[in-house]
Structure formats: structure tokens, C-alpha cells
Protein backbone atom coordinates (compact mmCIF):
# COMPACT_ATOMS: atom_id res chain seq x y z
CA MET A 1 16.10 8.82 36.00
CA THR A 2 16.00 5.27 34.67
CA THR A 3 19.19 3.26 34.26
CA LYS A 4 17.48 0.66 32.10
CA ARG A 5 18.94 0.36 28.60
CA ILE A 6 18.17 -1.58 25.45
CA SER A 7 21.24 -3.39 24.18
CA PRO A 8 22.43 -2.44 20.67
CA ALA A 9 22.56 -6.19 19.91
CA VAL A 10 18.75 -6.38 19.69
CA LEU A 11 18.36 -3.44 17.33
CA HIS A 12 19.41 -5.23 14.14
CA PRO A 13 17.03 -8.20 14.70
CA LEU A 14 14.28 -5.67 15.45
CA LYS A 15 14.87 -3.85 12.16
CA GLU A 16 14.97 -7.06 10.14
CA ALA A 17 11.72 -8.32 11.68
CA LEU A 18 9.93 -5.04 10.92
CA ILE A 19 11.19 -4.95 7.34
CA TYR A 20 10.20 -8.52 6.49
CA ALA A 21 6.95 -8.83 8.47
CA TYR A 22 5.34 -5.80 6.84
CA TRP A 23 6.02 -5.76 3.10
CA PHE A 24 4.04 -2.59 2.37
CA LYS A 25 4.89 0.73 3.98
CA LYS A 26 1.20 1.38 4.70
CA ASP A 27 0.94 -1.78 6.84
CA LEU A 28 4.24 -1.06 8.58
CA ARG A 29 3.11 2.46 9.43
CA ALA A 30 -0.17 1.20 10.91
CA PHE A 31 1.74 -1.30 13.06
CA LEU A 32 4.16 1.36 14.31
CA ASN A 33 1.27 3.67 15.21
CA SER A 34 -0.30 0.88 17.25
CA CYS A 35 2.96 0.23 19.12
CA LEU A 36 4.24 3.75 19.72
CA ASN A 37 0.97 5.62 20.30
CA ASP A 38 2.59 8.77 18.91
CA ARG A 39 1.47 9.34 15.33
CA ALA A 40 3.46 12.58 15.12
CA PHE A 41 6.69 10.69 15.84
CA VAL A 42 5.91 8.07 13.19
CA ALA A 43 4.75 10.69 10.68
CA GLN A 44 8.00 12.69 10.82
CA PHE A 45 9.77 10.19 8.56
CA ASP A 46 9.62 10.45 4.76
CA TRP A 47 7.08 7.72 4.00
CA GLU A 48 6.68 8.70 0.37
CA GLY A 49 10.23 9.48 -0.67
CA GLN A 50 12.30 6.87 1.19
CA TYR A 51 12.56 3.12 1.01
CA LYS A 52 11.09 1.05 3.82
CA ARG A 53 14.51 -0.05 5.11
CA ALA A 54 15.73 3.56 5.41
CA ILE A 55 12.61 4.53 7.38
CA VAL A 56 13.01 1.59 9.76
CA ASP A 57 16.71 2.35 10.29
CA GLN A 58 16.01 5.99 11.12
CA LEU A 59 13.07 5.27 13.39
CA VAL A 60 14.77 2.56 15.47
CA ASP A 61 18.03 4.51 15.66
CA THR A 62 16.17 7.63 16.83
CA LEU A 63 14.47 5.69 19.62
CA ALA A 64 17.71 4.00 20.66
CA ALA A 65 19.77 7.20 20.63
CA ASP A 66 17.54 8.91 23.22
CA GLN A 67 16.51 6.12 25.58
CA HIS A 68 16.08 8.53 28.46
CA ARG A 69 13.10 9.86 26.50
CA TYR A 70 12.04 6.88 24.41
CA PHE A 71 12.90 3.81 26.51
CA ASP A 72 9.29 2.71 27.04
CA GLU A 73 8.43 3.30 23.38
CA LEU A 74 11.42 1.25 22.20
CA LEU A 75 10.61 -1.53 24.65
CA ASN A 76 7.01 -1.56 23.42
CA LEU A 77 8.19 -1.83 19.84
CA ILE A 78 10.61 -4.69 20.55
CA LEU A 79 8.07 -6.81 22.40
CA ALA A 80 5.22 -6.09 19.98
CA THR A 81 7.38 -7.00 17.00
CA ALA A 82 8.55 -10.22 18.67
CA ASP A 83 4.87 -11.08 19.23
CA ILE A 84 3.75 -10.53 15.63
CA PRO A 85 1.45 -13.45 14.81
CA ASP A 86 1.95 -15.77 11.87
CA PRO A 87 2.44 -13.40 8.84
CA ALA A 88 0.51 -15.68 6.50
CA HIS A 89 -0.82 -12.67 4.58
CA LEU A 90 2.57 -12.47 2.85
CA LYS A 91 1.84 -15.70 1.01
CA ARG A 92 -0.64 -13.84 -1.22
CA LEU A 93 2.09 -11.66 -2.66
CA ASP A 94 4.33 -12.29 -5.62
CA ASP A 95 7.00 -14.81 -4.50
CA GLY A 96 4.93 -15.05 -1.31
CA GLU A 97 6.41 -18.28 0.08
CA SER A 98 9.89 -16.73 0.11
CA LYS A 99 8.64 -13.51 1.72
CA TYR A 100 6.76 -15.53 4.33
CA ALA A 101 9.80 -17.68 5.16
CA ASN A 102 12.03 -14.60 5.55
CA ALA A 103 9.50 -12.94 7.86
CA VAL A 104 9.08 -16.02 10.06
CA ALA A 105 12.86 -16.41 10.35
CA ALA A 106 13.39 -12.73 11.23
CA ILE A 107 10.66 -12.74 13.90
CA LYS A 108 12.11 -15.94 15.39
CA VAL A 109 15.60 -14.41 15.68
CA LEU A 110 14.16 -11.37 17.45
CA SER A 111 11.97 -13.48 19.76
CA GLU A 112 15.02 -15.42 20.92
CA SER A 113 16.63 -12.13 22.01
CA VAL A 114 13.83 -10.51 23.99
CA GLY A 115 13.65 -12.72 27.09
CA PRO A 116 15.43 -10.22 29.36
CA TYR A 117 13.18 -7.40 28.19
CA ARG A 118 10.00 -9.27 29.03
CA LEU A 119 11.19 -9.37 32.64
CA LEU A 120 11.14 -5.58 32.70
CA ARG A 121 7.37 -5.72 32.56
CA SER A 122 4.94 -7.33 34.93
CA GLU A 123 2.50 -9.84 33.49
CA HIS A 124 -0.27 -7.31 34.04
CA GLU A 125 1.52 -4.59 32.06
CA GLU A 126 2.35 -6.98 29.25
CA ALA A 127 -1.23 -8.24 28.99
CA ALA A 128 -2.54 -4.67 28.94
CA ARG A 129 -0.08 -3.70 26.22
CA ARG A 130 -1.13 -6.65 24.06
CA ARG A 131 -4.82 -5.86 24.51
CA GLU A 132 -4.25 -2.24 23.50
CA ALA A 133 -2.22 -3.21 20.43
CA ASP A 134 -4.94 -5.69 19.42
CA ARG A 135 -7.60 -3.03 19.91
CA VAL A 136 -5.80 -0.52 17.71
CA ARG A 137 -5.26 -3.09 14.96
CA ALA A 138 -8.90 -4.19 15.12
CA GLU A 139 -10.12 -0.59 14.93
CA SER A 140 -7.89 0.10 11.94
CA PHE A 141 -9.17 -3.03 10.17
CA GLN A 142 -12.81 -2.17 10.86
CA ALA A 143 -12.36 1.41 9.69
CA MET A 144 -10.86 0.20 6.40
CA LYS A 145 -13.65 -2.36 5.99
CA ALA A 146 -16.33 0.28 6.62
CA LYS A 147 -14.78 2.69 4.13
CA LEU A 148 -14.58 -0.02 1.47
CA GLU A 149 -18.27 -0.81 2.03
CA GLU A 150 -19.07 2.87 1.59
CA LEU A 151 -17.09 3.04 -1.64
CA LYS A 152 -18.70 -0.17 -2.89
CA GLN A 153 -22.14 1.37 -2.42
CA LYS A 154 -21.08 4.52 -4.27
CA PHE A 155 -19.54 2.44 -7.06
CA HIS A 156 -22.78 0.55 -7.58
CA GLU A 157 -24.79 3.78 -7.57
CA ILE A 158 -22.55 5.30 -10.25
CA HIS A 159 -23.56 2.52 -12.64
CA THR A 160 -27.13 3.84 -12.67
CA LEU A 161 -26.27 7.43 -13.62
CA ALA A 162 -26.42 9.17 -16.99
CA PRO A 163 -23.04 9.80 -18.71
CA GLN A 164 -22.39 13.39 -17.55
CA PRO A 165 -23.25 12.98 -13.84
CA ARG A 166 -21.55 9.58 -13.96
CA GLY A 167 -18.28 11.29 -14.94
CA TYR A 168 -18.42 13.66 -11.97
CA ALA A 169 -19.35 10.81 -9.64
CA LEU A 170 -16.43 8.73 -10.94
CA GLU A 171 -14.07 11.67 -10.36
CA ALA A 172 -15.14 11.90 -6.70
CA PHE A 173 -14.97 8.11 -6.33
CA LEU A 174 -11.40 7.83 -7.67
CA ASN A 175 -10.16 10.62 -5.41
CA GLN A 176 -11.56 8.84 -2.35
CA PHE A 177 -10.41 5.45 -3.64
CA PHE A 178 -6.76 6.47 -4.02
CA ALA A 179 -6.77 8.46 -0.74
CA LEU A 180 -8.02 5.43 1.19
CA PHE A 181 -4.80 3.57 0.33
CA ASP A 182 -2.56 6.58 1.09
CA ILE A 183 -1.55 7.00 -2.55
CA ASP A 184 -0.35 10.54 -3.01
CA ALA A 185 -2.32 12.37 -5.69
CA LYS A 186 -0.48 15.53 -6.76
CA ALA A 187 -3.85 17.30 -7.01
CA PRO A 188 -7.41 16.01 -6.96
CA PHE A 189 -8.19 14.01 -10.08
CA ALA A 190 -10.34 16.27 -12.27
CA LEU A 191 -12.98 15.69 -14.93
CA LYS A 192 -11.99 17.27 -18.24
CA GLY A 193 -14.50 16.78 -21.02
CA GLU A 194 -15.23 13.07 -21.09
CA GLN A 195 -12.17 11.92 -19.20
CA ILE A 196 -10.60 12.18 -15.76
CA ASP A 197 -6.99 13.39 -15.61
CA GLY A 198 -4.56 13.40 -12.73
CA ALA A 199 -1.12 12.50 -11.44
CA PHE A 200 0.01 10.51 -8.43
CA THR A 201 3.11 9.11 -6.76
CA PHE A 202 3.42 5.42 -6.02
CA GLU A 203 6.97 4.07 -6.01
CA GLY A 204 7.51 6.47 -8.92
CA GLU A 205 5.57 9.12 -10.82
CA TYR A 206 2.37 8.35 -12.73
CA ILE A 207 -0.08 10.28 -14.82
CA LEU A 208 -3.64 8.99 -14.81
CA GLU A 209 -6.49 8.96 -17.28
CA ALA A 210 -9.89 7.38 -16.66
CA LYS A 211 -12.89 6.98 -18.98
CA TRP A 212 -16.32 5.48 -18.71
CA HIS A 213 -17.76 5.13 -22.20
CA GLN A 214 -20.57 2.84 -23.25
CA GLU A 215 -18.14 1.01 -25.55
CA LYS A 216 -14.68 -0.40 -24.93
CA THR A 217 -11.84 2.08 -25.23
CA PRO A 218 -10.25 2.09 -28.73
CA HIS A 219 -6.53 2.16 -29.44
CA GLY A 220 -6.70 5.80 -30.61
CA ASP A 221 -7.35 6.93 -27.03
CA LEU A 222 -4.26 5.04 -25.92
CA GLU A 223 -2.17 6.59 -28.71
CA ILE A 224 -3.03 10.03 -27.33
CA PHE A 225 -2.21 8.90 -23.78
CA TYR A 226 1.17 7.51 -24.87
CA GLY A 227 1.88 10.95 -26.36
CA LYS A 228 1.20 12.60 -23.01
CA ILE A 229 3.62 10.27 -21.26
CA GLY A 230 6.25 10.86 -23.94
CA ARG A 231 6.30 14.55 -23.02
CA ARG A 232 7.24 13.74 -19.41
CA LEU A 233 10.52 12.57 -17.89
CA ASP A 234 11.70 9.14 -19.01
CA ASN A 235 10.76 7.37 -15.77
CA THR A 236 7.14 8.59 -15.80
CA LEU A 237 4.54 5.82 -16.07
CA GLY A 238 0.88 5.95 -17.01
CA LEU A 239 -2.25 4.37 -15.56
CA PHE A 240 -5.26 4.24 -17.91
CA ILE A 241 -8.57 3.15 -16.38
CA SER A 242 -11.35 2.19 -18.78
CA MET A 243 -14.43 1.12 -16.87
CA ASN A 244 -15.80 -0.96 -19.76
CA GLY A 245 -12.47 -2.41 -20.84
CA PHE A 246 -10.42 -2.10 -24.02
CA GLN A 247 -10.71 -3.14 -27.64
CA ASP A 248 -8.36 -5.90 -28.79
CA THR A 249 -6.46 -3.41 -30.97
CA VAL A 250 -5.28 -1.70 -27.77
CA PHE A 251 -3.34 -4.80 -26.73
CA GLU A 252 -1.93 -5.28 -30.22
CA MET A 253 -0.67 -1.70 -30.25
CA ALA A 254 0.75 -1.99 -26.71
CA ARG A 255 2.82 -5.05 -27.64
CA GLN A 256 4.72 -2.88 -30.13
CA ARG A 257 5.72 -0.27 -27.53
CA ARG A 258 7.81 -0.03 -24.41
CA PRO A 259 5.48 -1.01 -21.53
CA ASN A 260 5.34 2.31 -19.66
CA VAL A 261 1.54 2.19 -19.32
CA ILE A 262 -0.56 -0.17 -17.23
CA LEU A 263 -4.27 -0.67 -17.79
CA MET A 264 -7.16 -1.20 -15.38
CA ASP A 265 -10.83 -1.83 -15.94
CA GLY A 266 -13.98 -1.87 -13.84
CA GLY A 267 -13.36 -5.46 -12.82
CA ASP A 268 -10.04 -4.48 -11.26
CA LEU A 269 -11.75 -1.77 -9.19
CA ASN A 270 -14.40 -4.26 -8.12
CA ALA A 271 -11.75 -6.67 -6.87
CA VAL A 272 -10.25 -3.97 -4.65
CA ILE A 273 -13.49 -2.61 -3.19
CA ASP A 274 -14.58 -6.19 -2.50
CA GLY A 275 -11.49 -6.49 -0.31
CA ARG A 276 -9.92 -9.20 -2.46
CA LEU A 277 -6.62 -7.30 -2.63
CA GLU A 278 -5.40 -3.77 -1.94
CA LEU A 279 -4.83 -1.08 -4.56
CA PRO A 280 -1.06 -0.75 -3.90
CA ASP A 281 -0.66 -4.51 -4.29
CA LEU A 282 -2.63 -4.46 -7.55
CA LEU A 283 -0.61 -1.58 -9.02
CA ARG A 284 2.66 -3.20 -8.02
CA ARG A 285 1.76 -6.60 -9.48
CA LYS A 286 0.44 -5.12 -12.74
CA ARG A 287 3.66 -3.14 -13.13
CA GLN A 288 5.80 -6.20 -12.40
CA HIS A 289 3.81 -8.26 -14.90
CA ALA A 290 4.26 -5.59 -17.59
CA ALA A 291 7.99 -5.37 -16.89
CA ARG A 292 8.43 -9.13 -17.15
CA THR A 293 6.10 -9.97 -20.03
CA GLY A 294 5.42 -6.74 -21.93
CA GLU A 295 1.67 -7.23 -21.35
CA VAL A 296 0.17 -3.97 -20.08
CA PHE A 297 -3.14 -5.50 -18.98
CA VAL A 298 -3.72 -8.44 -16.69
CA SER A 299 -6.93 -8.79 -14.68
CA ALA A 300 -6.84 -8.65 -10.89
CA TYR A 301 -8.74 -11.93 -10.89
CA GLN A 302 -5.85 -13.65 -12.65
CA PHE A 303 -3.63 -12.76 -9.69
CA LEU A 304 -6.29 -13.99 -7.28
CA ALA A 305 -6.62 -17.27 -9.15
């Protein structure tokens, strides 16, 4: 039985580094899977219902409380987190410079505490661990890239279809699109008449409507959608996707209402499947923009600019 122990003093810096280095829960979960090699352990936490900090607290505390069982896993996590490379990806986010600075500072504090734990591993073991972590991250990146390429091809093919088969193809596309980014659809999005209806959870509850008409969506369609949201709980939001965009009267009407709907068009979907930004990031930034300005539509390319 091992007598090696991880000091409680390193646990708080570990938690802070994990919280700040990975802003989105999806990225944090992928990193933890690469470090711990036990997806069942990582999956047992409530990734949908809890905040990121609560998940990190529970996970680290669980490892630390049973070091007889989890010592190697906890040691792996500490050293891998201390070795996180420059988190420059955070700079792309809203208030990115601040997020980046916080992450760098948190990783630095942890790195200054892990010297004794590096001695517990031989150079050979440490090099092997780093290679394996790099391999898992590279495989995850390539798998996401390949899936986006597949969706891009399907998206381009849909443009060539007649209206009715195009609706069914869009339904299948949106279900795969949301699933790729681990966004929890309450049931598969379904084609009903000329529109796709559904509901999903993403930092709150949403109902979804999507249409692909030859013309831009008129404000009457949005009036009906606002009515659907009004029959839900007060904190329910709406996402309306119009592949060919919206008439100007839609924006005029939206300015006179509480911004509980956000709008997306085909250009927004293109930006995501091109890998310019991820769907969770786009949803979050659109919602923040609506909350701050009252504008329910802003193009993904404005964020990228």
C-alpha cells in the first residue's frame, strides 16, 4: 500500500487552473478524459445541470478523498494541468484578454507548487504521460475536424435539393450539428409542415424553430414564435434559424419586445462548420449581445471581425 499523498495545499491551485484554462465545459471534459483515462469517472458528474466550478470541486475532492485508489489519477491531473500550454485560444472569447490573463496566472501558481510531485515520476514515465495526453488531444481534434468536414459536405448538398426533401435533410443536419457540440436536445428536432421544431438545453432552456424558405422570413413568423415562448416558463428562450435570413421588419418588431429570442441564419451555420468558432460560443455571444443591446440578431462574422 502506497504512503504517497498529495498535499491539500495543491488542490486549490489545481481547481483554479482547471476553471480558468478551460472556459467551456466541453473543452474541460475533453481535457479531463485525456488525463484520467476513465471516461466513466468523468461522466458521473452533472455536466449539464451544474456550473463548471461545482464540477471541478467535486471531481478534485473525490480524487483527493480516496488517494489509496486514485493517487495516480490525481497526480496525472496535477502535472498535466501544470503543463497546459499557452491558453491563447481564450483571447478569441468575449473579454478574452482578461480570461487569458487569469488562466496564465492560475497555471503559473499551480506550476510553482508541483516540483515535489514531478520527482515522484521518472523522466521516462513523465515523457510517456505527456505523449499519451498529446495523442488523445490530437485524436479528439482530428475527430472533430473530420465530423465538421462531413457536415460541411452535407450542408452544401442540401442547397441543391427541392423544398420538401431539403426540409428533411435540414432536420437530420441540425440534429447532428447540435449533437456534435454536446448540446442536449430534449428530443430529436422534427420537421412539422414547413418548419423544424425542437427544444434543447444550453445554460438554460430553449425552444427552436428553423425554416428554409426561398424568401427571407417575415415578421409574422416571428410573432407566432414569440407566442410559443410566451406559453412557456419565464426563463425560456427561443432560437429561430432562418436559412435565408430575415426581413427588416423582423428587427423592427424585435426592438419593441423583451429580447428572449436570438436569431441565426445560414451564414452563422457556415461560420461554425468552417471551424471559425464553435456553436456553444456562438450561442453564448449572441445571447450576451442581445442582453446588452436588445439586438436579437448579430452575424457570427461580426464577432470574428
